[in-house]
Amino acid sequence: MRPLTPAQRRSALLALALGGFAIGLTEFVAMGLLPDIARDLLPQMYAQSTSQAVAHAGWIVSVYALGVVVGAPTLAALTARIPRKTMLLGLLAIFILGTVASALAPTFGLVLVARFVAALPHGAYFGAAGLIAASIMGPGSHGKGFAVALGGLTVANVVGVPAITRLGQDAGWRVAYLAIAAMFAVTLLAVLATVPAVAAHPDGSARSELRAFRAPQVWLVAATAALGFGGFFAIDSYIAPVTTHVAGLPASAVPWVLVAVGLGMTAGNAAGGWAADRDLRLTLLAGFPAFVVAMGIFALIAHWPAGLFAGAFLIGVAGLFLGPAMQSRLIAVAPGAQMMGAAVNQSAMNVANSLGAALGGVVIARGLGYVAPGWVGVVLGLVGFALAATSFALESARRQPAEAVREPAGVR
């Protein structure tokens, strides 16, 4: 990569973050528009039972997540030899096509197909963008590099998602997705103009990237993310009905609750990137208990308007504090396949997205109420903490025999 001036570095990092901003819009805006989507695409079900229709519309969230799960490792392997900037431009083109198709598809089934296609480049984009950002920022900056890429996503939840949600409520959810497609187009032009050319890894190949899956720790860390983060999405997927049916606020308040989530995500992401570069183990082992507590608090206080806003902020802080650390952890356990490690994290996060949205829909459909997903999150967060602790314990146990073998050689 050619040397960059400070202004060029800032412009390139901003362009990479802009991609995260657009991805944040396409991933999270459906959560605030589920009632509108259900009313439009599932009118008969909506007329019979609003909660059943909203829960069924939640499959839009789950299908997008499944698209990320499939696309992240697949594209990471297939693009191993492609220069990173070229890769990013191709991924953004897929985002544009998939998002436009989402807006124009006439039936619920076709919308699901379009959302799956739009999700395919999600994980590969964050993987490539995070690695490029870390390269631009210099050695020892994996956590901060991925925080830059994820930073766009968190800012999207502060200003972009609430604005697009309001646009969708006023002009229709299809108009909202067309606006998101336009943001991807702007990002493509920004990446083309500012991001330096970065060559693919000289030894990169589909085989070398797929070799990461031979490491048991990769599977264990991926399972930690997939289960441990499910609670965030179980709660966030149904934030609109919690706002209107539980806290008793009007639909116009939904964007402001999303702002609270986004502010928390932005703060948590920034703190998490800083912490992950200093003590990755402590960040994860302290972060998961805090996340569990935050979800429990949300379930207890979301019945009151002030509690809803406070709980939404806490969920955002605690959830995204763990984001850069999980990304760095997967790269650490897959040192010979960094792109795959970065992409697998996004797959795992979207297994969490799919699982959380689905389990949240199940408990709601069973009549347990719109805050019941918070307690689902508590259980999933405890599982994530147990898996993270197990991963580090196994790593320490494996390291101790090697250190014991080396020690006698240094005895005098």
Protein backbone atom coordinates (compact mmCIF):
# COMPACT_ATOMS: atom_id res chain seq x y z
CA MET A 1 0.00 0.00 0.00
CA ARG A 2 1.34 3.42 -0.95
CA PRO A 3 2.09 5.97 1.82
CA LEU A 4 -0.84 8.21 2.64
CA THR A 5 -0.99 11.76 3.94
CA PRO A 6 -3.05 12.33 7.12
CA ALA A 7 -5.86 13.81 5.01
CA GLN A 8 -5.84 10.81 2.68
CA ARG A 9 -5.94 8.42 5.64
CA ARG A 10 -8.93 10.21 7.12
CA SER A 11 -10.75 10.22 3.78
CA ALA A 12 -10.12 6.50 3.21
CA LEU A 13 -11.23 5.57 6.73
CA LEU A 14 -14.34 7.72 6.33
CA ALA A 15 -15.21 5.95 3.07
CA LEU A 16 -14.79 2.55 4.73
CA ALA A 17 -16.97 3.68 7.64
CA LEU A 18 -19.57 4.98 5.17
CA GLY A 19 -19.94 1.42 3.92
CA GLY A 20 -20.61 0.33 7.49
CA PHE A 21 -23.17 3.14 7.74
CA ALA A 22 -25.06 1.87 4.69
CA ILE A 23 -24.89 -1.71 5.97
CA GLY A 24 -26.27 -0.54 9.30
CA LEU A 25 -29.22 0.97 7.45
CA THR A 26 -30.00 -2.14 5.42
CA GLU A 27 -29.58 -4.48 8.39
CA PHE A 28 -31.43 -2.60 11.10
CA VAL A 29 -34.09 -0.48 9.41
CA ALA A 30 -36.41 -3.48 9.00
CA MET A 31 -36.62 -3.79 12.79
CA GLY A 32 -38.35 -0.44 13.12
CA LEU A 33 -40.57 -1.04 10.08
CA LEU A 34 -41.77 -4.59 10.82
CA PRO A 35 -45.35 -3.44 11.59
CA ASP A 36 -45.47 -1.49 8.31
CA ILE A 37 -44.00 -4.38 6.30
CA ALA A 38 -46.41 -6.84 7.92
CA ARG A 39 -49.39 -4.59 7.20
CA ASP A 40 -48.40 -4.27 3.52
CA LEU A 41 -47.18 -7.78 2.68
CA LEU A 42 -49.26 -9.88 5.10
CA PRO A 43 -52.59 -8.02 5.20
CA GLN A 44 -54.84 -10.98 6.05
CA MET A 45 -52.62 -12.20 8.89
CA TYR A 46 -52.24 -8.62 10.14
CA ALA A 47 -56.03 -8.18 10.24
CA GLN A 48 -56.44 -11.36 12.30
CA SER A 49 -53.52 -10.86 14.73
CA THR A 50 -51.06 -7.97 14.73
CA SER A 51 -48.56 -9.78 16.94
CA GLN A 52 -48.62 -12.93 14.79
CA ALA A 53 -48.09 -10.90 11.62
CA VAL A 54 -45.23 -8.87 13.11
CA ALA A 55 -43.59 -12.06 14.39
CA HIS A 56 -43.91 -13.62 10.91
CA ALA A 57 -42.50 -10.49 9.27
CA GLY A 58 -39.48 -10.96 11.54
CA TRP A 59 -38.34 -13.59 9.03
CA ILE A 60 -37.10 -10.66 6.95
CA VAL A 61 -34.53 -10.05 9.69
CA SER A 62 -33.71 -13.74 9.99
CA VAL A 63 -33.31 -14.31 6.23
CA TYR A 64 -30.96 -11.35 5.94
CA ALA A 65 -28.89 -12.83 8.74
CA LEU A 66 -28.81 -16.21 7.02
CA GLY A 67 -27.57 -14.52 3.85
CA VAL A 68 -24.66 -13.10 5.81
CA VAL A 69 -23.91 -16.52 7.28
CA VAL A 70 -23.72 -18.07 3.81
CA GLY A 71 -22.04 -15.17 2.04
CA ALA A 72 -19.28 -14.27 4.48
CA PRO A 73 -17.13 -17.43 4.34
CA THR A 74 -18.05 -18.18 0.73
CA LEU A 75 -16.99 -14.79 -0.60
CA ALA A 76 -13.94 -14.67 1.69
CA ALA A 77 -12.72 -17.89 0.06
CA LEU A 78 -13.67 -17.00 -3.51
CA THR A 79 -12.06 -13.54 -3.36
CA ALA A 80 -8.81 -14.55 -1.64
CA ARG A 81 -6.73 -13.57 -4.70
CA ILE A 82 -8.67 -10.40 -5.59
CA PRO A 83 -7.15 -7.00 -4.64
CA ARG A 84 -9.03 -5.68 -1.64
CA LYS A 85 -10.27 -2.43 -3.19
CA THR A 86 -11.61 -4.26 -6.24
CA MET A 87 -13.30 -6.69 -3.89
CA LEU A 88 -14.98 -3.88 -1.95
CA LEU A 89 -16.33 -2.28 -5.14
CA GLY A 90 -17.81 -5.58 -6.29
CA LEU A 91 -19.42 -6.17 -2.91
CA LEU A 92 -20.99 -2.71 -2.92
CA ALA A 93 -22.44 -3.37 -6.38
CA ILE A 94 -24.17 -6.49 -5.02
CA PHE A 95 -25.52 -4.45 -2.11
CA ILE A 96 -27.05 -1.95 -4.54
CA LEU A 97 -28.73 -4.60 -6.68
CA GLY A 98 -30.06 -6.58 -3.73
CA THR A 99 -31.43 -3.52 -1.93
CA VAL A 100 -33.19 -2.18 -5.04
CA ALA A 101 -34.73 -5.64 -5.55
CA SER A 102 -35.90 -5.59 -1.92
CA ALA A 103 -37.73 -2.34 -2.55
CA LEU A 104 -39.38 -3.48 -5.78
CA ALA A 105 -40.29 -7.12 -5.01
CA PRO A 106 -44.11 -7.46 -5.06
CA THR A 107 -44.61 -10.35 -2.60
CA PHE A 108 -43.37 -11.37 0.83
CA GLY A 109 -41.60 -14.43 -0.60
CA LEU A 110 -39.72 -12.40 -3.22
CA VAL A 111 -38.76 -9.81 -0.61
CA LEU A 112 -37.22 -12.64 1.43
CA VAL A 113 -35.19 -13.75 -1.61
CA ALA A 114 -34.02 -10.18 -2.28
CA ARG A 115 -32.99 -9.69 1.35
CA PHE A 116 -30.96 -12.91 1.21
CA VAL A 117 -29.11 -11.70 -1.90
CA ALA A 118 -28.54 -8.25 -0.39
CA ALA A 119 -26.98 -9.88 2.67
CA LEU A 120 -24.39 -12.00 0.85
CA PRO A 121 -21.62 -9.32 0.75
CA HIS A 122 -22.19 -8.10 4.33
CA GLY A 123 -19.58 -10.19 6.15
CA ALA A 124 -16.96 -10.03 3.42
CA TYR A 125 -17.26 -6.24 3.33
CA PHE A 126 -16.66 -5.83 7.06
CA GLY A 127 -13.81 -8.32 6.92
CA ALA A 128 -12.02 -6.59 4.05
CA ALA A 129 -12.81 -3.06 5.26
CA GLY A 130 -11.62 -3.85 8.78
CA LEU A 131 -8.33 -5.30 7.57
CA ILE A 132 -7.73 -2.34 5.24
CA ALA A 133 -8.54 0.11 8.04
CA ALA A 134 -6.15 -1.70 10.40
CA SER A 135 -3.44 -1.55 7.71
CA ILE A 136 -3.99 2.16 7.23
CA MET A 137 -3.83 2.80 10.99
CA GLY A 138 -0.66 0.77 11.55
CA PRO A 139 0.54 -2.23 13.60
CA GLY A 140 -1.34 -3.25 16.73
CA SER A 141 -4.58 -1.66 15.53
CA HIS A 142 -6.81 -4.62 14.73
CA GLY A 143 -9.35 -3.63 17.37
CA LYS A 144 -9.38 0.03 16.37
CA GLY A 145 -9.43 -0.86 12.66
CA PHE A 146 -12.54 -2.96 13.02
CA ALA A 147 -14.03 -0.32 15.30
CA VAL A 148 -13.68 2.13 12.39
CA ALA A 149 -15.55 -0.22 10.04
CA LEU A 150 -18.19 -0.98 12.68
CA GLY A 151 -18.29 2.70 13.63
CA GLY A 152 -20.25 3.50 10.51
CA LEU A 153 -22.80 0.88 11.50
CA THR A 154 -23.16 2.31 15.00
CA VAL A 155 -23.54 5.87 13.72
CA ALA A 156 -26.20 4.57 11.36
CA ASN A 157 -28.18 3.52 14.40
CA VAL A 158 -27.92 7.03 15.85
CA VAL A 159 -28.95 9.12 12.86
CA GLY A 160 -29.48 6.94 9.79
CA VAL A 161 -31.80 4.18 11.00
CA PRO A 162 -34.16 6.55 12.87
CA ALA A 163 -34.30 8.89 9.86
CA ILE A 164 -34.91 6.07 7.36
CA THR A 165 -37.44 4.50 9.74
CA ARG A 166 -39.36 7.76 9.86
CA LEU A 167 -39.12 8.03 6.06
CA GLY A 168 -40.50 4.49 5.79
CA GLN A 169 -43.36 5.25 8.17
CA ASP A 170 -44.31 8.39 6.23
CA ALA A 171 -43.58 7.44 2.60
CA GLY A 172 -43.63 3.65 2.74
CA TRP A 173 -41.07 1.00 3.57
CA ARG A 174 -40.20 0.54 -0.12
CA VAL A 175 -39.07 4.16 -0.37
CA ALA A 176 -36.86 3.54 2.67
CA TYR A 177 -35.03 0.72 0.89
CA LEU A 178 -34.55 2.82 -2.25
CA ALA A 179 -32.92 5.49 -0.08
CA ILE A 180 -30.60 2.83 1.37
CA ALA A 181 -29.64 1.69 -2.14
CA ALA A 182 -28.70 5.30 -2.92
CA MET A 183 -26.42 5.36 0.13
CA PHE A 184 -24.63 2.25 -1.13
CA ALA A 185 -24.11 4.00 -4.46
CA VAL A 186 -22.56 6.99 -2.69
CA THR A 187 -20.29 4.63 -0.75
CA LEU A 188 -19.13 2.94 -3.94
CA LEU A 189 -18.07 6.29 -5.39
CA ALA A 190 -16.32 7.26 -2.13
CA VAL A 191 -14.36 3.99 -1.97
CA LEU A 192 -13.42 4.32 -5.64
CA ALA A 193 -12.08 7.84 -5.06
CA THR A 194 -10.30 7.56 -1.70
CA VAL A 195 -9.35 4.01 -0.65
CA PRO A 196 -5.82 3.05 -1.75
CA ALA A 197 -5.16 -0.07 -3.78
CA VAL A 198 -4.37 -2.96 -1.43
CA ALA A 199 -3.11 -6.21 -2.88
CA ALA A 200 -4.53 -9.56 -1.83
CA HIS A 201 -2.39 -11.70 0.43
CA PRO A 202 0.46 -13.10 -1.75
CA ASP A 203 -0.26 -16.65 -0.57
CA GLY A 204 -4.00 -16.18 -0.56
CA SER A 205 -6.21 -18.90 -1.97
CA ALA A 206 -9.56 -20.49 -1.28
CA ARG A 207 -7.75 -23.46 0.23
CA SER A 208 -5.63 -21.37 2.60
CA GLU A 209 -8.66 -19.40 3.78
CA LEU A 210 -10.77 -22.52 4.29
CA ARG A 211 -7.92 -24.05 6.30
CA ALA A 212 -9.06 -21.83 9.19
CA PHE A 213 -11.95 -24.22 9.80
CA ARG A 214 -9.49 -26.93 10.83
CA ALA A 215 -8.82 -25.05 14.08
CA PRO A 216 -11.24 -26.05 16.89
CA GLN A 217 -10.82 -22.60 18.46
CA VAL A 218 -12.31 -20.98 15.34
CA TRP A 219 -15.48 -23.00 15.82
CA LEU A 220 -15.56 -22.33 19.56
CA VAL A 221 -15.11 -18.58 19.20
CA ALA A 222 -17.66 -18.46 16.37
CA ALA A 223 -20.15 -20.31 18.61
CA THR A 224 -19.44 -17.76 21.36
CA ALA A 225 -20.47 -14.93 19.06
CA ALA A 226 -23.39 -16.79 17.51
CA LEU A 227 -25.01 -17.65 20.85
CA GLY A 228 -23.71 -14.87 23.07
CA PHE A 229 -24.98 -12.03 20.88
CA GLY A 230 -28.39 -13.53 20.15
CA GLY A 231 -29.99 -11.54 22.93
CA PHE A 232 -29.13 -8.19 21.35
CA PHE A 233 -31.06 -9.11 18.22
CA ALA A 234 -33.88 -10.78 20.14
CA ILE A 235 -34.50 -7.43 21.81
CA ASP A 236 -33.70 -5.07 18.94
CA SER A 237 -35.77 -6.97 16.36
CA TYR A 238 -38.96 -6.19 18.27
CA ILE A 239 -38.12 -2.74 19.61
CA ALA A 240 -41.02 -1.18 17.69
CA PRO A 241 -43.82 -3.18 19.38
CA VAL A 242 -42.09 -2.80 22.77
CA THR A 243 -42.23 0.97 22.24
CA THR A 244 -45.87 1.10 21.19
CA HIS A 245 -47.51 -1.85 22.99
CA VAL A 246 -45.45 -2.09 26.20
CA ALA A 247 -44.25 1.43 26.98
CA GLY A 248 -47.41 2.93 25.47
CA LEU A 249 -45.62 5.43 23.24
CA PRO A 250 -46.78 6.45 19.75
CA ALA A 251 -45.19 4.98 16.62
CA SER A 252 -43.39 8.31 16.10
CA ALA A 253 -41.29 7.51 19.20
CA VAL A 254 -39.76 4.38 17.62
CA PRO A 255 -37.03 6.32 15.76
CA TRP A 256 -36.01 8.02 19.01
CA VAL A 257 -35.70 4.70 20.81
CA LEU A 258 -33.48 3.57 17.93
CA VAL A 259 -31.39 6.71 18.49
CA ALA A 260 -30.87 5.61 22.10
CA VAL A 261 -29.73 2.17 20.89
CA GLY A 262 -27.44 3.78 18.32
CA LEU A 263 -25.85 6.17 20.81
CA GLY A 264 -25.12 3.25 23.07
CA MET A 265 -23.67 1.24 20.18
CA THR A 266 -21.41 4.11 19.16
CA ALA A 267 -20.07 4.56 22.68
CA GLY A 268 -19.67 0.83 23.23
CA ASN A 269 -17.91 0.28 19.89
CA ALA A 270 -15.37 3.05 20.52
CA ALA A 271 -14.61 1.82 24.03
CA GLY A 272 -14.51 -1.80 22.87
CA GLY A 273 -11.97 -1.10 20.12
CA TRP A 274 -9.68 0.66 22.60
CA ALA A 275 -10.06 -2.09 25.20
CA ALA A 276 -9.57 -4.98 22.75
CA ASP A 277 -6.16 -3.66 21.64
CA ARG A 278 -5.03 -3.48 25.29
CA ASP A 279 -6.42 -6.64 26.92
CA LEU A 280 -8.53 -8.85 24.68
CA ARG A 281 -9.16 -11.52 27.30
CA LEU A 282 -10.33 -9.09 29.99
CA THR A 283 -12.51 -7.24 27.49
CA LEU A 284 -14.45 -10.40 26.66
CA LEU A 285 -14.61 -11.95 30.13
CA ALA A 286 -15.80 -8.70 31.72
CA GLY A 287 -17.93 -7.64 28.77
CA PHE A 288 -20.26 -10.64 28.67
CA PRO A 289 -21.44 -10.37 32.30
CA ALA A 290 -22.09 -6.66 31.76
CA PHE A 291 -24.09 -7.53 28.64
CA VAL A 292 -26.19 -10.07 30.55
CA VAL A 293 -26.95 -7.54 33.27
CA ALA A 294 -27.93 -4.92 30.68
CA MET A 295 -30.44 -7.28 29.04
CA GLY A 296 -31.97 -8.20 32.38
CA ILE A 297 -32.34 -4.52 33.28
CA PHE A 298 -34.01 -3.83 29.92
CA ALA A 299 -36.59 -6.57 30.50
CA LEU A 300 -37.40 -5.13 33.92
CA ILE A 301 -37.67 -1.43 33.09
CA ALA A 302 -38.87 -1.30 29.45
CA HIS A 303 -42.51 -0.98 30.62
CA TRP A 304 -41.90 2.69 31.44
CA PRO A 305 -40.93 5.24 28.76
CA ALA A 306 -37.85 6.49 30.64
CA GLY A 307 -36.84 2.91 31.39
CA LEU A 308 -37.25 1.95 27.73
CA PHE A 309 -34.83 4.67 26.60
CA ALA A 310 -32.33 3.90 29.35
CA GLY A 311 -32.51 0.16 28.72
CA ALA A 312 -32.12 0.63 24.96
CA PHE A 313 -28.98 2.70 25.54
CA LEU A 314 -27.53 0.07 27.91
CA ILE A 315 -28.16 -2.73 25.40
CA GLY A 316 -26.31 -0.74 22.72
CA VAL A 317 -23.31 0.01 24.94
CA ALA A 318 -22.87 -3.48 26.35
CA GLY A 319 -23.50 -5.30 23.05
CA LEU A 320 -21.14 -3.30 20.83
CA PHE A 321 -18.42 -3.11 23.49
CA LEU A 322 -17.88 -6.79 22.67
CA GLY A 323 -17.94 -6.31 18.86
CA PRO A 324 -14.31 -5.34 18.09
CA ALA A 325 -13.05 -7.83 20.68
CA MET A 326 -14.88 -10.74 19.06
CA GLN A 327 -13.52 -9.71 15.66
CA SER A 328 -9.96 -9.53 16.99
CA ARG A 329 -10.37 -12.83 18.81
CA LEU A 330 -11.39 -14.70 15.65
CA ILE A 331 -8.44 -13.25 13.72
CA ALA A 332 -6.14 -14.29 16.56
CA VAL A 333 -7.30 -17.91 16.45
CA ALA A 334 -7.05 -18.02 12.61
CA PRO A 335 -3.65 -16.37 12.04
CA GLY A 336 -3.08 -17.91 8.60
CA ALA A 337 -6.49 -16.84 7.28
CA GLN A 338 -7.23 -13.35 8.54
CA MET A 339 -9.86 -12.61 5.92
CA MET A 340 -11.75 -15.78 6.77
CA GLY A 341 -11.45 -15.07 10.49
CA ALA A 342 -12.87 -11.59 9.99
CA ALA A 343 -15.66 -12.88 7.75
CA VAL A 344 -16.58 -15.77 10.05
CA ASN A 345 -17.18 -13.28 12.85
CA GLN A 346 -19.82 -11.59 10.71
CA SER A 347 -21.37 -14.97 9.93
CA ALA A 348 -21.46 -15.77 13.63
CA MET A 349 -22.99 -12.40 14.47
CA ASN A 350 -25.73 -13.00 11.95
CA VAL A 351 -26.40 -16.49 13.23
CA ALA A 352 -26.99 -14.52 16.42
CA ASN A 353 -29.22 -12.14 14.45
CA SER A 354 -31.24 -14.97 12.94
CA LEU A 355 -31.40 -16.96 16.17
CA GLY A 356 -32.28 -13.96 18.28
CA ALA A 357 -35.02 -12.73 15.96
CA ALA A 358 -36.46 -16.24 15.62
CA LEU A 359 -36.43 -17.00 19.37
CA GLY A 360 -37.84 -13.57 20.10
CA GLY A 361 -40.66 -14.25 17.66
CA VAL A 362 -41.32 -17.65 19.28
CA VAL A 363 -41.77 -16.30 22.81
CA ILE A 364 -43.90 -13.43 21.54
CA ALA A 365 -46.09 -15.76 19.47
CA ARG A 366 -46.58 -17.95 22.55
CA GLY A 367 -48.12 -14.99 24.33
CA LEU A 368 -45.26 -14.25 26.74
CA GLY A 369 -45.19 -10.57 25.81
CA TYR A 370 -42.92 -8.25 23.86
CA VAL A 371 -40.32 -7.98 26.66
CA ALA A 372 -39.87 -11.75 26.90
CA PRO A 373 -37.02 -11.65 24.33
CA GLY A 374 -34.98 -9.81 26.97
CA TRP A 375 -34.98 -12.92 29.16
CA VAL A 376 -34.08 -15.04 26.15
CA GLY A 377 -31.10 -12.71 25.78
CA VAL A 378 -30.03 -13.23 29.38
CA VAL A 379 -29.86 -16.99 28.84
CA LEU A 380 -27.98 -16.65 25.55
CA GLY A 381 -25.54 -14.15 27.07
CA LEU A 382 -24.71 -16.56 29.90
CA VAL A 383 -24.03 -19.28 27.34
CA GLY A 384 -21.73 -16.89 25.45
CA PHE A 385 -19.81 -16.07 28.61
CA ALA A 386 -19.35 -19.77 29.41
CA LEU A 387 -18.04 -20.44 25.90
CA ALA A 388 -15.65 -17.47 26.02
CA ALA A 389 -14.26 -18.62 29.37
CA THR A 390 -13.87 -22.16 28.02
CA SER A 391 -12.01 -20.90 24.95
CA PHE A 392 -9.47 -18.98 27.01
CA ALA A 393 -9.10 -21.84 29.51
CA LEU A 394 -8.32 -24.30 26.71
CA GLU A 395 -5.82 -21.87 25.23
CA SER A 396 -4.06 -21.45 28.58
CA ALA A 397 -4.00 -25.21 29.19
CA ARG A 398 -2.41 -25.77 25.78
CA ARG A 399 0.16 -23.05 26.37
CA GLN A 400 1.33 -24.31 29.79
CA PRO A 401 2.93 -27.61 28.62
CA ALA A 402 4.86 -25.76 25.91
CA GLU A 403 6.18 -23.27 28.46
CA ALA A 404 7.14 -26.10 30.82
CA VAL A 405 9.16 -27.75 28.06
CA ARG A 406 11.03 -24.53 27.26
CA GLU A 407 11.79 -23.57 30.88
CA PRO A 408 14.55 -26.17 31.67
CA ALA A 409 16.62 -24.95 28.76
CA GLY A 410 16.96 -21.57 30.42
CA VAL A 411 17.93 -22.90 33.86
CA ARG A 412 21.54 -22.22 34.86
